[in-house]
Amino acid sequence: MNSNLYAFYGSLRRGLHNYQQFKPNLKYCYSTWLSGFQLFSLGDFPFAIKSGNTDDRVLIEVIEIEDETTRLKIDELELSFGYYSEVVQIDGSEVKIYLFSDKANYPQVKSGDWVKFFRG
């Protein structure tokens, strides 16, 4: 991937725990709804899966990370919890997102907005 853009939907969104940890090296670009994905709760953290249904959507924040050390630390953090990364096209840009491959029996976050669900 030749892009420094990431789609964050959980603890790396602005104001949440992991965002605060990396904040000096994260540049918020914009928020948008990403269609074709569903959001689920692991308790303290969410995960998203590809659903293929355009009616399903997840609220993401597109964040630019120019610092390679920060990118590697976030990658290590996400992969250590069982996520895998994939590149998606958002508004003509390549954006990296962390996903799970299976929803198992976890509860769905029907709103698609982790902050609203988590803080609600």
C-alpha atoms as a PDB file:
ATOM      1  CA  MET A   1       0.000   0.000   0.000  1.00  0.00           C
ATOM      2  CA  ASN A   2       1.428   3.360  -0.959  1.00  0.00           C
ATOM      3  CA  SER A   3      -1.028   5.367   1.104  1.00  0.00           C
ATOM      4  CA  ASN A   4      -0.725   6.643   4.664  1.00  0.00           C
ATOM      5  CA  LEU A   5      -4.516   6.725   5.072  1.00  0.00           C
ATOM      6  CA  TYR A   6      -6.331   4.549   7.601  1.00  0.00           C
ATOM      7  CA  ALA A   7     -10.029   3.929   8.302  1.00  0.00           C
ATOM      8  CA  PHE A   8     -10.588   3.770  12.057  1.00  0.00           C
ATOM      9  CA  TYR A   9     -13.982   2.855  13.509  1.00  0.00           C
ATOM     10  CA  GLY A  10     -13.192   1.936  17.127  1.00  0.00           C
ATOM     11  CA  SER A  11     -10.673   2.777  19.838  1.00  0.00           C
ATOM     12  CA  LEU A  12      -8.511   4.704  17.350  1.00  0.00           C
ATOM     13  CA  ARG A  13     -11.278   7.233  16.663  1.00  0.00           C
ATOM     14  CA  ARG A  14     -10.769  10.723  18.042  1.00  0.00           C
ATOM     15  CA  GLY A  15     -11.197  10.998  21.793  1.00  0.00           C
ATOM     16  CA  LEU A  16     -10.998   7.275  22.521  1.00  0.00           C
ATOM     17  CA  HIS A  17      -8.207   5.447  24.376  1.00  0.00           C
ATOM     18  CA  ASN A  18      -5.933   4.290  21.565  1.00  0.00           C
ATOM     19  CA  TYR A  19      -6.347   7.545  19.667  1.00  0.00           C
ATOM     20  CA  GLN A  20      -5.019   9.439  22.706  1.00  0.00           C
ATOM     21  CA  GLN A  21      -1.969   7.160  22.810  1.00  0.00           C
ATOM     22  CA  PHE A  22      -0.966   7.961  19.208  1.00  0.00           C
ATOM     23  CA  LYS A  23      -2.557  11.418  18.872  1.00  0.00           C
ATOM     24  CA  PRO A  24       0.617  13.449  18.117  1.00  0.00           C
ATOM     25  CA  ASN A  25       1.150  11.427  14.931  1.00  0.00           C
ATOM     26  CA  LEU A  26      -2.470  11.107  13.762  1.00  0.00           C
ATOM     27  CA  LYS A  27      -3.946  13.662  11.372  1.00  0.00           C
ATOM     28  CA  TYR A  28      -7.742  13.568  11.129  1.00  0.00           C
ATOM     29  CA  CYS A  29      -8.936  13.996   7.539  1.00  0.00           C
ATOM     30  CA  TYR A  30     -12.718  13.374   7.573  1.00  0.00           C
ATOM     31  CA  SER A  31     -15.514  11.070   8.731  1.00  0.00           C
ATOM     32  CA  THR A  32     -17.710   9.037   6.396  1.00  0.00           C
ATOM     33  CA  TRP A  33     -19.973   6.002   6.271  1.00  0.00           C
ATOM     34  CA  LEU A  34     -18.354   2.916   4.724  1.00  0.00           C
ATOM     35  CA  SER A  35     -20.937   0.711   3.003  1.00  0.00           C
ATOM     36  CA  GLY A  36     -20.767  -3.072   2.817  1.00  0.00           C
ATOM     37  CA  PHE A  37     -19.477  -3.590   6.358  1.00  0.00           C
ATOM     38  CA  GLN A  38     -21.041  -4.542   9.699  1.00  0.00           C
ATOM     39  CA  LEU A  39     -19.836  -3.604  13.185  1.00  0.00           C
ATOM     40  CA  PHE A  40     -19.780  -5.939  16.200  1.00  0.00           C
ATOM     41  CA  SER A  41     -18.843  -5.590  19.878  1.00  0.00           C
ATOM     42  CA  LEU A  42     -16.115  -7.521  21.684  1.00  0.00           C
ATOM     43  CA  GLY A  43     -17.068  -5.663  24.880  1.00  0.00           C
ATOM     44  CA  ASP A  44     -14.496  -2.893  25.173  1.00  0.00           C
ATOM     45  CA  PHE A  45     -13.565  -2.937  21.488  1.00  0.00           C
ATOM     46  CA  PRO A  46     -15.400  -3.337  18.190  1.00  0.00           C
ATOM     47  CA  PHE A  47     -14.603  -5.209  15.042  1.00  0.00           C
ATOM     48  CA  ALA A  48     -15.911  -4.902  11.520  1.00  0.00           C
ATOM     49  CA  ILE A  49     -16.478  -7.543   8.883  1.00  0.00           C
ATOM     50  CA  LYS A  50     -17.258  -7.308   5.200  1.00  0.00           C
ATOM     51  CA  SER A  51     -20.924  -8.053   4.625  1.00  0.00           C
ATOM     52  CA  GLY A  52     -21.180  -7.297   0.932  1.00  0.00           C
ATOM     53  CA  ASN A  53     -24.585  -5.702   1.579  1.00  0.00           C
ATOM     54  CA  THR A  54     -24.605  -2.023   0.602  1.00  0.00           C
ATOM     55  CA  ASP A  55     -27.302  -1.372   3.234  1.00  0.00           C
ATOM     56  CA  ASP A  56     -24.788  -2.241   5.982  1.00  0.00           C
ATOM     57  CA  ARG A  57     -22.457   0.576   6.970  1.00  0.00           C
ATOM     58  CA  VAL A  58     -19.871   1.584   9.538  1.00  0.00           C
ATOM     59  CA  LEU A  59     -18.917   5.110  10.578  1.00  0.00           C
ATOM     60  CA  ILE A  60     -15.182   5.596  10.068  1.00  0.00           C
ATOM     61  CA  GLU A  61     -12.682   8.369  10.535  1.00  0.00           C
ATOM     62  CA  VAL A  62     -10.055   8.603   7.821  1.00  0.00           C
ATOM     63  CA  ILE A  63      -6.739   9.364   9.500  1.00  0.00           C
ATOM     64  CA  GLU A  64      -3.393  10.107   7.871  1.00  0.00           C
ATOM     65  CA  ILE A  65      -0.282   8.691   9.543  1.00  0.00           C
ATOM     66  CA  GLU A  66       3.013   9.859   8.052  1.00  0.00           C
ATOM     67  CA  ASP A  67       5.234   8.532  10.872  1.00  0.00           C
ATOM     68  CA  GLU A  68       6.355   4.993  10.007  1.00  0.00           C
ATOM     69  CA  THR A  69       7.009   4.021  13.639  1.00  0.00           C
ATOM     70  CA  THR A  70       3.420   4.929  14.531  1.00  0.00           C
ATOM     71  CA  ARG A  71       2.093   2.951  11.552  1.00  0.00           C
ATOM     72  CA  LEU A  72       4.094  -0.109  12.655  1.00  0.00           C
ATOM     73  CA  LYS A  73       2.939   0.205  16.297  1.00  0.00           C
ATOM     74  CA  ILE A  74      -0.710   0.443  15.271  1.00  0.00           C
ATOM     75  CA  ASP A  75      -0.296  -2.489  12.895  1.00  0.00           C
ATOM     76  CA  GLU A  76       1.280  -4.562  15.676  1.00  0.00           C
ATOM     77  CA  LEU A  77      -1.492  -3.575  18.106  1.00  0.00           C
ATOM     78  CA  GLU A  78      -4.313  -4.475  15.733  1.00  0.00           C
ATOM     79  CA  LEU A  79      -2.799  -7.720  14.434  1.00  0.00           C
ATOM     80  CA  SER A  80      -2.021  -8.906  17.991  1.00  0.00           C
ATOM     81  CA  PHE A  81      -5.775  -8.836  18.760  1.00  0.00           C
ATOM     82  CA  GLY A  82      -6.734 -10.954  15.748  1.00  0.00           C
ATOM     83  CA  TYR A  83      -7.533  -8.286  13.183  1.00  0.00           C
ATOM     84  CA  TYR A  84      -6.209  -8.476   9.631  1.00  0.00           C
ATOM     85  CA  SER A  85      -5.660  -5.495   7.373  1.00  0.00           C
ATOM     86  CA  GLU A  86      -7.113  -4.804   3.981  1.00  0.00           C
ATOM     87  CA  VAL A  87      -7.030  -1.870   1.601  1.00  0.00           C
ATOM     88  CA  VAL A  88     -10.353  -0.350   0.534  1.00  0.00           C
ATOM     89  CA  GLN A  89     -11.121   2.430  -1.919  1.00  0.00           C
ATOM     90  CA  ILE A  90     -12.714   5.498  -0.338  1.00  0.00           C
ATOM     91  CA  ASP A  91     -13.342   8.539  -2.510  1.00  0.00           C
ATOM     92  CA  GLY A  92     -10.637   7.396  -4.956  1.00  0.00           C
ATOM     93  CA  SER A  93      -7.975   6.847  -2.278  1.00  0.00           C
ATOM     94  CA  GLU A  94      -6.445   3.632  -0.961  1.00  0.00           C
ATOM     95  CA  VAL A  95      -7.254   3.369   2.746  1.00  0.00           C
ATOM     96  CA  LYS A  96      -6.129   0.630   5.142  1.00  0.00           C
ATOM     97  CA  ILE A  97      -8.751  -0.867   7.455  1.00  0.00           C
ATOM     98  CA  TYR A  98      -8.519  -3.549  10.141  1.00  0.00           C
ATOM     99  CA  LEU A  99     -11.173  -6.271  10.002  1.00  0.00           C
ATOM    100  CA  PHE A 100     -12.164  -9.635  11.479  1.00  0.00           C
ATOM    101  CA  SER A 101     -12.956 -12.546   9.208  1.00  0.00           C
ATOM    102  CA  ASP A 102     -15.923 -13.910  11.206  1.00  0.00           C
ATOM    103  CA  LYS A 103     -18.638 -12.336  13.353  1.00  0.00           C
ATOM    104  CA  ALA A 104     -19.053 -15.514  15.443  1.00  0.00           C
ATOM    105  CA  ASN A 105     -21.795 -14.902  18.051  1.00  0.00           C
ATOM    106  CA  TYR A 106     -20.827 -11.362  19.011  1.00  0.00           C
ATOM    107  CA  PRO A 107     -23.559  -8.704  19.304  1.00  0.00           C
ATOM    108  CA  GLN A 108     -23.970  -6.412  16.332  1.00  0.00           C
ATOM    109  CA  VAL A 109     -23.635  -2.648  16.719  1.00  0.00           C
ATOM    110  CA  LYS A 110     -26.645  -1.918  14.522  1.00  0.00           C
ATOM    111  CA  SER A 111     -26.045   1.845  14.329  1.00  0.00           C
ATOM    112  CA  GLY A 112     -22.583   1.233  12.827  1.00  0.00           C
ATOM    113  CA  ASP A 113     -21.217   3.976  15.101  1.00  0.00           C
ATOM    114  CA  TRP A 114     -18.934   2.648  17.850  1.00  0.00           C
ATOM    115  CA  VAL A 115     -18.645   5.977  19.717  1.00  0.00           C
ATOM    116  CA  LYS A 116     -22.437   6.325  19.925  1.00  0.00           C
ATOM    117  CA  PHE A 117     -22.781   2.682  21.038  1.00  0.00           C
ATOM    118  CA  PHE A 118     -19.823   2.705  23.463  1.00  0.00           C
ATOM    119  CA  ARG A 119     -20.637   6.010  25.125  1.00  0.00           C
ATOM    120  CA  GLY A 120     -24.418   5.612  24.845  1.00  0.00           C
END
